[in-house]
Amino acid sequence: MDRHLKQKIRIYYIHGYLSGPNSVKGKLFKEKLNAINLKYRFCDPCDLKISECIDNIYNKIKNDKNVILIGSSFGGYLSLKIAKIHKYIKDNNLKSRILA
């Protein structure tokens, strides 16, 4: 088997604006896909700063070579921003983005 296929792919779930990593969707993705549910917000939603959310997510995924991001609502927006800002698309580390 090709060594690239043997590399472990990690699936990350990025929740929506008023949701959390342990929401119904988060639990479903964890149970069915073994997704890692990320918490990116450590403040009230009204105090949220997009740049901090992106940094929090990126710091948790930056060492993985094969990443799939599943984003729900605002989490979908964040996953696309991460892919663009950190050049995951260009470097081909991000295998896909799924907006739920």
PDB file of N, CA and C in Angstrom:
ATOM      1  N   MET A   1       0.838  -1.182   0.000  1.00  0.00           N
ATOM      2  CA  MET A   1       0.000   0.000   0.000  1.00  0.00           C
ATOM      3  C   MET A   1       0.879   1.240   0.000  1.00  0.00           C
ATOM      4  N   ASP A   2       0.454   2.256  -0.724  1.00  0.00           N
ATOM      5  CA  ASP A   2       1.168   3.518  -0.813  1.00  0.00           C
ATOM      6  C   ASP A   2       1.327   4.120   0.587  1.00  0.00           C
ATOM      7  N   ARG A   3       2.534   4.586   0.912  1.00  0.00           N
ATOM      8  CA  ARG A   3       2.772   5.115   2.254  1.00  0.00           C
ATOM      9  C   ARG A   3       1.902   6.328   2.553  1.00  0.00           C
ATOM     10  N   HIS A   4       1.517   7.082   1.518  1.00  0.00           N
ATOM     11  CA  HIS A   4       0.644   8.235   1.730  1.00  0.00           C
ATOM     12  C   HIS A   4      -0.752   7.797   2.163  1.00  0.00           C
ATOM     13  N   LEU A   5      -1.186   6.658   1.702  1.00  0.00           N
ATOM     14  CA  LEU A   5      -2.501   6.166   2.095  1.00  0.00           C
ATOM     15  C   LEU A   5      -2.497   5.651   3.524  1.00  0.00           C
ATOM     16  N   LYS A   6      -1.327   5.263   4.008  1.00  0.00           N
ATOM     17  CA  LYS A   6      -1.212   4.737   5.364  1.00  0.00           C
ATOM     18  C   LYS A   6      -1.236   5.846   6.412  1.00  0.00           C
ATOM     19  N   GLN A   7      -0.941   7.079   5.990  1.00  0.00           N
ATOM     20  CA  GLN A   7      -0.920   8.172   6.947  1.00  0.00           C
ATOM     21  C   GLN A   7      -2.319   8.356   7.537  1.00  0.00           C
ATOM     22  N   LYS A   8      -2.368   8.596   8.815  1.00  0.00           N
ATOM     23  CA  LYS A   8      -3.645   8.720   9.501  1.00  0.00           C
ATOM     24  C   LYS A   8      -4.332  10.036   9.128  1.00  0.00           C
ATOM     25  N   ILE A   9      -5.580   9.909   8.735  1.00  0.00           N
ATOM     26  CA  ILE A   9      -6.389  11.085   8.451  1.00  0.00           C
ATOM     27  C   ILE A   9      -7.176  11.414   9.709  1.00  0.00           C
ATOM     28  N   ARG A  10      -7.124  12.668  10.112  1.00  0.00           N
ATOM     29  CA  ARG A  10      -7.869  13.109  11.282  1.00  0.00           C
ATOM     30  C   ARG A  10      -9.034  13.982  10.822  1.00  0.00           C
ATOM     31  N   ILE A  11     -10.174  13.694  11.378  1.00  0.00           N
ATOM     32  CA  ILE A  11     -11.379  14.459  11.084  1.00  0.00           C
ATOM     33  C   ILE A  11     -11.668  15.358  12.277  1.00  0.00           C
ATOM     34  N   TYR A  12     -11.844  16.632  12.000  1.00  0.00           N
ATOM     35  CA  TYR A  12     -12.148  17.605  13.043  1.00  0.00           C
ATOM     36  C   TYR A  12     -13.518  18.214  12.780  1.00  0.00           C
ATOM     37  N   TYR A  13     -14.309  18.335  13.829  1.00  0.00           N
ATOM     38  CA  TYR A  13     -15.612  18.988  13.742  1.00  0.00           C
ATOM     39  C   TYR A  13     -15.516  20.365  14.381  1.00  0.00           C
ATOM     40  N   ILE A  14     -15.936  21.384  13.619  1.00  0.00           N
ATOM     41  CA  ILE A  14     -15.930  22.761  14.106  1.00  0.00           C
ATOM     42  C   ILE A  14     -17.383  23.218  14.201  1.00  0.00           C
ATOM     43  N   HIS A  15     -17.836  23.458  15.412  1.00  0.00           N
ATOM     44  CA  HIS A  15     -19.243  23.763  15.688  1.00  0.00           C
ATOM     45  C   HIS A  15     -19.642  25.159  15.229  1.00  0.00           C
ATOM     46  N   GLY A  16     -20.920  25.412  15.277  1.00  0.00           N
ATOM     47  CA  GLY A  16     -21.476  26.705  14.888  1.00  0.00           C
ATOM     48  C   GLY A  16     -21.338  27.763  15.972  1.00  0.00           C
ATOM     49  N   TYR A  17     -21.808  28.952  15.657  1.00  0.00           N
ATOM     50  CA  TYR A  17     -21.654  30.144  16.495  1.00  0.00           C
ATOM     51  C   TYR A  17     -22.215  29.978  17.911  1.00  0.00           C
ATOM     52  N   LEU A  18     -23.444  29.529  18.026  1.00  0.00           N
ATOM     53  CA  LEU A  18     -24.060  29.392  19.349  1.00  0.00           C
ATOM     54  C   LEU A  18     -24.047  27.958  19.853  1.00  0.00           C
ATOM     55  N   SER A  19     -23.355  27.104  19.158  1.00  0.00           N
ATOM     56  CA  SER A  19     -23.296  25.693  19.508  1.00  0.00           C
ATOM     57  C   SER A  19     -22.020  25.406  20.285  1.00  0.00           C
ATOM     58  N   GLY A  20     -21.702  24.129  20.410  1.00  0.00           N
ATOM     59  CA  GLY A  20     -20.481  23.729  21.095  1.00  0.00           C
ATOM     60  C   GLY A  20     -20.008  22.383  20.595  1.00  0.00           C
ATOM     61  N   PRO A  21     -18.843  21.951  21.013  1.00  0.00           N
ATOM     62  CA  PRO A  21     -18.288  20.690  20.524  1.00  0.00           C
ATOM     63  C   PRO A  21     -19.090  19.468  20.948  1.00  0.00           C
ATOM     64  N   ASN A  22     -19.894  19.586  21.980  1.00  0.00           N
ATOM     65  CA  ASN A  22     -20.688  18.451  22.454  1.00  0.00           C
ATOM     66  C   ASN A  22     -22.155  18.567  22.070  1.00  0.00           C
ATOM     67  N   SER A  23     -22.421  19.283  21.000  1.00  0.00           N
ATOM     68  CA  SER A  23     -23.787  19.403  20.497  1.00  0.00           C
ATOM     69  C   SER A  23     -24.223  18.060  19.908  1.00  0.00           C
ATOM     70  N   VAL A  24     -25.469  17.994  19.490  1.00  0.00           N
ATOM     71  CA  VAL A  24     -25.978  16.764  18.874  1.00  0.00           C
ATOM     72  C   VAL A  24     -25.127  16.398  17.656  1.00  0.00           C
ATOM     73  N   LYS A  25     -24.838  17.387  16.794  1.00  0.00           N
ATOM     74  CA  LYS A  25     -23.991  17.116  15.621  1.00  0.00           C
ATOM     75  C   LYS A  25     -22.601  16.668  16.043  1.00  0.00           C
ATOM     76  N   GLY A  26     -22.036  17.360  17.018  1.00  0.00           N
ATOM     77  CA  GLY A  26     -20.700  17.003  17.485  1.00  0.00           C
ATOM     78  C   GLY A  26     -20.630  15.575  17.989  1.00  0.00           C
ATOM     79  N   LYS A  27     -21.617  15.179  18.778  1.00  0.00           N
ATOM     80  CA  LYS A  27     -21.655  13.805  19.289  1.00  0.00           C
ATOM     81  C   LYS A  27     -21.834  12.793  18.166  1.00  0.00           C
ATOM     82  N   LEU A  28     -22.648  13.147  17.179  1.00  0.00           N
ATOM     83  CA  LEU A  28     -22.877  12.251  16.044  1.00  0.00           C
ATOM     84  C   LEU A  28     -21.598  12.052  15.232  1.00  0.00           C
ATOM     85  N   PHE A  29     -20.901  13.145  14.926  1.00  0.00           N
ATOM     86  CA  PHE A  29     -19.657  13.034  14.156  1.00  0.00           C
ATOM     87  C   PHE A  29     -18.587  12.269  14.935  1.00  0.00           C
ATOM     88  N   LYS A  30     -18.550  12.461  16.239  1.00  0.00           N
ATOM     89  CA  LYS A  30     -17.582  11.734  17.059  1.00  0.00           C
ATOM     90  C   LYS A  30     -17.896  10.241  17.063  1.00  0.00           C
ATOM     91  N   GLU A  31     -19.167   9.907  17.230  1.00  0.00           N
ATOM     92  CA  GLU A  31     -19.581   8.506  17.294  1.00  0.00           C
ATOM     93  C   GLU A  31     -19.414   7.793  15.952  1.00  0.00           C
ATOM     94  N   LYS A  32     -19.860   8.427  14.874  1.00  0.00           N
ATOM     95  CA  LYS A  32     -19.887   7.769  13.567  1.00  0.00           C
ATOM     96  C   LYS A  32     -18.576   7.883  12.794  1.00  0.00           C
ATOM     97  N   LEU A  33     -17.855   8.994  12.969  1.00  0.00           N
ATOM     98  CA  LEU A  33     -16.644   9.234  12.173  1.00  0.00           C
ATOM     99  C   LEU A  33     -15.378   9.335  13.015  1.00  0.00           C
ATOM    100  N   ASN A  34     -15.514   9.162  14.319  1.00  0.00           N
ATOM    101  CA  ASN A  34     -14.379   9.325  15.225  1.00  0.00           C
ATOM    102  C   ASN A  34     -13.759  10.721  15.100  1.00  0.00           C
ATOM    103  N   ALA A  35     -14.619  11.705  14.874  1.00  0.00           N
ATOM    104  CA  ALA A  35     -14.154  13.082  14.717  1.00  0.00           C
ATOM    105  C   ALA A  35     -13.680  13.637  16.057  1.00  0.00           C
ATOM    106  N   ILE A  36     -12.743  14.542  15.970  1.00  0.00           N
ATOM    107  CA  ILE A  36     -12.267  15.272  17.135  1.00  0.00           C
ATOM    108  C   ILE A  36     -13.051  16.575  17.165  1.00  0.00           C
ATOM    109  N   ASN A  37     -13.824  16.774  18.213  1.00  0.00           N
ATOM    110  CA  ASN A  37     -14.664  17.965  18.319  1.00  0.00           C
ATOM    111  C   ASN A  37     -13.868  19.087  18.959  1.00  0.00           C
ATOM    112  N   LEU A  38     -13.711  20.174  18.218  1.00  0.00           N
ATOM    113  CA  LEU A  38     -12.887  21.283  18.697  1.00  0.00           C
ATOM    114  C   LEU A  38     -13.723  22.374  19.345  1.00  0.00           C
ATOM    115  N   LYS A  39     -13.235  22.874  20.442  1.00  0.00           N
ATOM    116  CA  LYS A  39     -13.809  24.069  21.052  1.00  0.00           C
ATOM    117  C   LYS A  39     -12.892  25.219  20.672  1.00  0.00           C
ATOM    118  N   TYR A  40     -13.451  26.216  20.022  1.00  0.00           N
ATOM    119  CA  TYR A  40     -12.632  27.328  19.547  1.00  0.00           C
ATOM    120  C   TYR A  40     -12.960  28.639  20.250  1.00  0.00           C
ATOM    121  N   ARG A  41     -14.054  28.671  20.987  1.00  0.00           N
ATOM    122  CA  ARG A  41     -14.497  29.899  21.636  1.00  0.00           C
ATOM    123  C   ARG A  41     -14.439  29.715  23.146  1.00  0.00           C
ATOM    124  N   PHE A  42     -13.743  30.644  23.820  1.00  0.00           N
ATOM    125  CA  PHE A  42     -13.605  30.590  25.277  1.00  0.00           C
ATOM    126  C   PHE A  42     -14.139  31.883  25.903  1.00  0.00           C
ATOM    127  N   CYS A  43     -15.187  32.421  25.274  1.00  0.00           N
ATOM    128  CA  CYS A  43     -15.793  33.663  25.732  1.00  0.00           C
ATOM    129  C   CYS A  43     -17.280  33.613  25.378  1.00  0.00           C
ATOM    130  N   ASP A  44     -17.996  34.641  25.777  1.00  0.00           N
ATOM    131  CA  ASP A  44     -19.392  34.752  25.364  1.00  0.00           C
ATOM    132  C   ASP A  44     -19.431  34.973  23.852  1.00  0.00           C
ATOM    133  N   PRO A  45     -20.454  34.465  23.173  1.00  0.00           N
ATOM    134  CA  PRO A  45     -20.532  34.650  21.722  1.00  0.00           C
ATOM    135  C   PRO A  45     -20.442  36.122  21.296  1.00  0.00           C
ATOM    136  N   CYS A  46     -20.994  37.020  22.097  1.00  0.00           N
ATOM    137  CA  CYS A  46     -20.960  38.442  21.716  1.00  0.00           C
ATOM    138  C   CYS A  46     -19.550  39.031  21.788  1.00  0.00           C
ATOM    139  N   ASP A  47     -18.633  38.376  22.487  1.00  0.00           N
ATOM    140  CA  ASP A  47     -17.252  38.859  22.605  1.00  0.00           C
ATOM    141  C   ASP A  47     -16.296  38.135  21.647  1.00  0.00           C
ATOM    142  N   LEU A  48     -16.836  37.314  20.788  1.00  0.00           N
ATOM    143  CA  LEU A  48     -16.038  36.481  19.890  1.00  0.00           C
ATOM    144  C   LEU A  48     -15.194  37.316  18.924  1.00  0.00           C
ATOM    145  N   LYS A  49     -13.962  36.892  18.724  1.00  0.00           N
ATOM    146  CA  LYS A  49     -13.081  37.505  17.730  1.00  0.00           C
ATOM    147  C   LYS A  49     -12.681  36.406  16.762  1.00  0.00           C
ATOM    148  N   ILE A  50     -12.982  36.617  15.501  1.00  0.00           N
ATOM    149  CA  ILE A  50     -12.737  35.585  14.489  1.00  0.00           C
ATOM    150  C   ILE A  50     -11.269  35.175  14.467  1.00  0.00           C
ATOM    151  N   SER A  51     -10.368  36.127  14.543  1.00  0.00           N
ATOM    152  CA  SER A  51      -8.938  35.804  14.484  1.00  0.00           C
ATOM    153  C   SER A  51      -8.524  34.885  15.636  1.00  0.00           C
ATOM    154  N   GLU A  52      -9.099  35.083  16.816  1.00  0.00           N
ATOM    155  CA  GLU A  52      -8.787  34.213  17.957  1.00  0.00           C
ATOM    156  C   GLU A  52      -9.342  32.808  17.742  1.00  0.00           C
ATOM    157  N   CYS A  53     -10.538  32.733  17.172  1.00  0.00           N
ATOM    158  CA  CYS A  53     -11.132  31.421  16.874  1.00  0.00           C
ATOM    159  C   CYS A  53     -10.256  30.650  15.895  1.00  0.00           C
ATOM    160  N   ILE A  54      -9.818  31.325  14.852  1.00  0.00           N
ATOM    161  CA  ILE A  54      -8.964  30.691  13.840  1.00  0.00           C
ATOM    162  C   ILE A  54      -7.656  30.234  14.474  1.00  0.00           C
ATOM    163  N   ASP A  55      -7.056  31.080  15.289  1.00  0.00           N
ATOM    164  CA  ASP A  55      -5.804  30.705  15.968  1.00  0.00           C
ATOM    165  C   ASP A  55      -6.012  29.501  16.880  1.00  0.00           C
ATOM    166  N   ASN A  56      -7.120  29.485  17.625  1.00  0.00           N
ATOM    167  CA  ASN A  56      -7.393  28.367  18.534  1.00  0.00           C
ATOM    168  C   ASN A  56      -7.536  27.058  17.777  1.00  0.00           C
ATOM    169  N   ILE A  57      -8.239  27.087  16.660  1.00  0.00           N
ATOM    170  CA  ILE A  57      -8.415  25.872  15.854  1.00  0.00           C
ATOM    171  C   ILE A  57      -7.088  25.464  15.225  1.00  0.00           C
ATOM    172  N   TYR A  58      -6.411  26.417  14.613  1.00  0.00           N
ATOM    173  CA  TYR A  58      -5.158  26.101  13.925  1.00  0.00           C
ATOM    174  C   TYR A  58      -4.129  25.505  14.884  1.00  0.00           C
ATOM    175  N   ASN A  59      -4.044  26.032  16.088  1.00  0.00           N
ATOM    176  CA  ASN A  59      -3.077  25.505  17.064  1.00  0.00           C
ATOM    177  C   ASN A  59      -3.361  24.054  17.426  1.00  0.00           C
ATOM    178  N   LYS A  60      -4.602  23.618  17.265  1.00  0.00           N
ATOM    179  CA  LYS A  60      -4.956  22.231  17.573  1.00  0.00           C
ATOM    180  C   LYS A  60      -4.754  21.286  16.397  1.00  0.00           C
ATOM    181  N   ILE A  61      -4.710  21.811  15.171  1.00  0.00           N
ATOM    182  CA  ILE A  61      -4.601  20.931  14.001  1.00  0.00           C
ATOM    183  C   ILE A  61      -3.264  21.045  13.281  1.00  0.00           C
ATOM    184  N   LYS A  62      -2.446  22.006  13.640  1.00  0.00           N
ATOM    185  CA  LYS A  62      -1.259  22.333  12.853  1.00  0.00           C
ATOM    186  C   LYS A  62      -0.243  21.197  12.723  1.00  0.00           C
ATOM    187  N   ASN A  63      -0.215  20.259  13.639  1.00  0.00           N
ATOM    188  CA  ASN A  63       0.774  19.180  13.564  1.00  0.00           C
ATOM    189  C   ASN A  63       0.283  17.952  12.799  1.00  0.00           C
ATOM    190  N   ASP A  64      -0.969  17.958  12.386  1.00  0.00           N
ATOM    191  CA  ASP A  64      -1.504  16.834  11.621  1.00  0.00           C
ATOM    192  C   ASP A  64      -1.241  17.037  10.139  1.00  0.00           C
ATOM    193  N   LYS A  65      -0.895  15.965   9.478  1.00  0.00           N
ATOM    194  CA  LYS A  65      -0.552  16.040   8.052  1.00  0.00           C
ATOM    195  C   LYS A  65      -1.753  15.848   7.138  1.00  0.00           C
ATOM    196  N   ASN A  66      -2.732  15.089   7.568  1.00  0.00           N
ATOM    197  CA  ASN A  66      -3.921  14.823   6.757  1.00  0.00           C
ATOM    198  C   ASN A  66      -5.149  15.196   7.565  1.00  0.00           C
ATOM    199  N   VAL A  67      -5.772  16.297   7.183  1.00  0.00           N
ATOM    200  CA  VAL A  67      -6.859  16.862   7.963  1.00  0.00           C
ATOM    201  C   VAL A  67      -8.121  16.966   7.114  1.00  0.00           C
ATOM    202  N   ILE A  68      -9.234  16.567   7.708  1.00  0.00           N
ATOM    203  CA  ILE A  68     -10.552  16.837   7.140  1.00  0.00           C
ATOM    204  C   ILE A  68     -11.288  17.686   8.160  1.00  0.00           C
ATOM    205  N   LEU A  69     -11.778  18.838   7.719  1.00  0.00           N
ATOM    206  CA  LEU A  69     -12.539  19.716   8.596  1.00  0.00           C
ATOM    207  C   LEU A  69     -14.015  19.610   8.246  1.00  0.00           C
ATOM    208  N   ILE A  70     -14.836  19.362   9.260  1.00  0.00           N
ATOM    209  CA  ILE A  70     -16.282  19.400   9.106  1.00  0.00           C
ATOM    210  C   ILE A  70     -16.756  20.609   9.895  1.00  0.00           C
ATOM    211  N   GLY A  71     -17.328  21.576   9.201  1.00  0.00           N
ATOM    212  CA  GLY A  71     -17.784  22.783   9.857  1.00  0.00           C
ATOM    213  C   GLY A  71     -19.278  22.951   9.718  1.00  0.00           C
ATOM    214  N   SER A  72     -19.916  23.310  10.817  1.00  0.00           N
ATOM    215  CA  SER A  72     -21.355  23.551  10.811  1.00  0.00           C
ATOM    216  C   SER A  72     -21.601  25.048  10.934  1.00  0.00           C
ATOM    217  N   SER A  73     -22.305  25.614   9.963  1.00  0.00           N
ATOM    218  CA  SER A  73     -22.678  27.015   9.989  1.00  0.00           C
ATOM    219  C   SER A  73     -21.430  27.900  10.125  1.00  0.00           C
ATOM    220  N   PHE A  74     -21.304  28.643  11.209  1.00  0.00           N
ATOM    221  CA  PHE A  74     -20.132  29.499  11.423  1.00  0.00           C
ATOM    222  C   PHE A  74     -18.844  28.671  11.431  1.00  0.00           C
ATOM    223  N   GLY A  75     -18.928  27.428  11.881  1.00  0.00           N
ATOM    224  CA  GLY A  75     -17.768  26.537  11.851  1.00  0.00           C
ATOM    225  C   GLY A  75     -17.320  26.238  10.425  1.00  0.00           C
ATOM    226  N   GLY A  76     -18.261  26.205   9.489  1.00  0.00           N
ATOM    227  CA  GLY A  76     -17.913  26.038   8.079  1.00  0.00           C
ATOM    228  C   GLY A  76     -17.127  27.233   7.563  1.00  0.00           C
ATOM    229  N   TYR A  77     -17.566  28.416   7.956  1.00  0.00           N
ATOM    230  CA  TYR A  77     -16.840  29.629   7.590  1.00  0.00           C
ATOM    231  C   TYR A  77     -15.416  29.595   8.149  1.00  0.00           C
ATOM    232  N   LEU A  78     -15.297  29.230   9.422  1.00  0.00           N
ATOM    233  CA  LEU A  78     -13.975  29.176  10.047  1.00  0.00           C
ATOM    234  C   LEU A  78     -13.074  28.148   9.367  1.00  0.00           C
ATOM    235  N   SER A  79     -13.624  27.004   8.989  1.00  0.00           N
ATOM    236  CA  SER A  79     -12.803  25.973   8.346  1.00  0.00           C
ATOM    237  C   SER A  79     -12.273  26.461   7.001  1.00  0.00           C
ATOM    238  N   LEU A  80     -13.092  27.193   6.255  1.00  0.00           N
ATOM    239  CA  LEU A  80     -12.622  27.734   4.978  1.00  0.00           C
ATOM    240  C   LEU A  80     -11.570  28.817   5.181  1.00  0.00           C
ATOM    241  N   LYS A  81     -11.754  29.657   6.189  1.00  0.00           N
ATOM    242  CA  LYS A  81     -10.761  30.689   6.491  1.00  0.00           C
ATOM    243  C   LYS A  81      -9.421  30.065   6.892  1.00  0.00           C
ATOM    244  N   ILE A  82      -9.467  29.016   7.700  1.00  0.00           N
ATOM    245  CA  ILE A  82      -8.242  28.333   8.114  1.00  0.00           C
ATOM    246  C   ILE A  82      -7.526  27.758   6.902  1.00  0.00           C
ATOM    247  N   ALA A  83      -8.285  27.127   6.020  1.00  0.00           N
ATOM    248  CA  ALA A  83      -7.695  26.534   4.816  1.00  0.00           C
ATOM    249  C   ALA A  83      -7.020  27.601   3.963  1.00  0.00           C
ATOM    250  N   LYS A  84      -7.636  28.746   3.838  1.00  0.00           N
ATOM    251  CA  LYS A  84      -7.071  29.816   3.011  1.00  0.00           C
ATOM    252  C   LYS A  84      -5.887  30.497   3.690  1.00  0.00           C
ATOM    253  N   ILE A  85      -6.067  30.899   4.928  1.00  0.00           N
ATOM    254  CA  ILE A  85      -5.020  31.642   5.638  1.00  0.00           C
ATOM    255  C   ILE A  85      -3.759  30.809   5.821  1.00  0.00           C
ATOM    256  N   HIS A  86      -3.927  29.572   6.211  1.00  0.00           N
ATOM    257  CA  HIS A  86      -2.767  28.742   6.519  1.00  0.00           C
ATOM    258  C   HIS A  86      -2.346  27.863   5.350  1.00  0.00           C
ATOM    259  N   LYS A  87      -2.894  28.155   4.183  1.00  0.00           N
ATOM    260  CA  LYS A  87      -2.489  27.507   2.932  1.00  0.00           C
ATOM    261  C   LYS A  87      -2.612  25.988   2.963  1.00  0.00           C
ATOM    262  N   TYR A  88      -3.591  25.475   3.687  1.00  0.00           N
ATOM    263  CA  TYR A  88      -3.827  24.037   3.686  1.00  0.00           C
ATOM    264  C   TYR A  88      -4.198  23.558   2.294  1.00  0.00           C
ATOM    265  N   ILE A  89      -4.926  24.378   1.562  1.00  0.00           N
ATOM    266  CA  ILE A  89      -5.337  23.966   0.227  1.00  0.00           C
ATOM    267  C   ILE A  89      -4.111  23.839  -0.667  1.00  0.00           C
ATOM    268  N   LYS A  90      -3.242  24.818  -0.641  1.00  0.00           N
ATOM    269  CA  LYS A  90      -2.040  24.810  -1.469  1.00  0.00           C
ATOM    270  C   LYS A  90      -1.103  23.668  -1.075  1.00  0.00           C
ATOM    271  N   ASP A  91      -0.891  23.475   0.217  1.00  0.00           N
ATOM    272  CA  ASP A  91       0.041  22.461   0.691  1.00  0.00           C
ATOM    273  C   ASP A  91      -0.536  21.047   0.631  1.00  0.00           C
ATOM    274  N   ASN A  92      -1.817  20.959   0.341  1.00  0.00           N
ATOM    275  CA  ASN A  92      -2.498  19.668   0.194  1.00  0.00           C
ATOM    276  C   ASN A  92      -2.535  18.861   1.486  1.00  0.00           C
ATOM    277  N   ASN A  93      -2.460  19.528   2.627  1.00  0.00           N
ATOM    278  CA  ASN A  93      -2.626  18.823   3.902  1.00  0.00           C
ATOM    279  C   ASN A  93      -4.101  18.644   4.223  1.00  0.00           C
ATOM    280  N   LEU A  94      -4.900  19.620   3.828  1.00  0.00           N
ATOM    281  CA  LEU A  94      -6.334  19.536   4.079  1.00  0.00           C
ATOM    282  C   LEU A  94      -6.953  18.738   2.957  1.00  0.00           C
ATOM    283  N   LYS A  95      -7.432  17.565   3.283  1.00  0.00           N
ATOM    284  CA  LYS A  95      -7.958  16.666   2.269  1.00  0.00           C
ATOM    285  C   LYS A  95      -9.321  17.116   1.763  1.00  0.00           C
ATOM    286  N   SER A  96     -10.137  17.667   2.646  1.00  0.00           N
ATOM    287  CA  SER A  96     -11.433  18.167   2.220  1.00  0.00           C
ATOM    288  C   SER A  96     -12.049  19.027   3.302  1.00  0.00           C
ATOM    289  N   ARG A  97     -13.041  19.788   2.892  1.00  0.00           N
ATOM    290  CA  ARG A  97     -13.813  20.597   3.810  1.00  0.00           C
ATOM    291  C   ARG A  97     -15.256  20.198   3.612  1.00  0.00           C
ATOM    292  N   ILE A  98     -15.934  19.939   4.688  1.00  0.00           N
ATOM    293  CA  ILE A  98     -17.329  19.526   4.619  1.00  0.00           C
ATOM    294  C   ILE A  98     -18.138  20.528   5.420  1.00  0.00           C
ATOM    295  N   LEU A  99     -19.097  21.146   4.777  1.00  0.00           N
ATOM    296  CA  LEU A  99     -19.955  22.088   5.470  1.00  0.00           C
ATOM    297  C   LEU A  99     -21.273  21.418   5.769  1.00  0.00           C
ATOM    298  N   ALA A 100     -21.617  21.297   7.040  1.00  0.00           N
ATOM    299  CA  ALA A 100     -22.835  20.580   7.437  1.00  0.00           C
ATOM    300  C   ALA A 100     -23.919  21.539   7.866  1.00  0.00           C
TER     301      ALA A 100
END
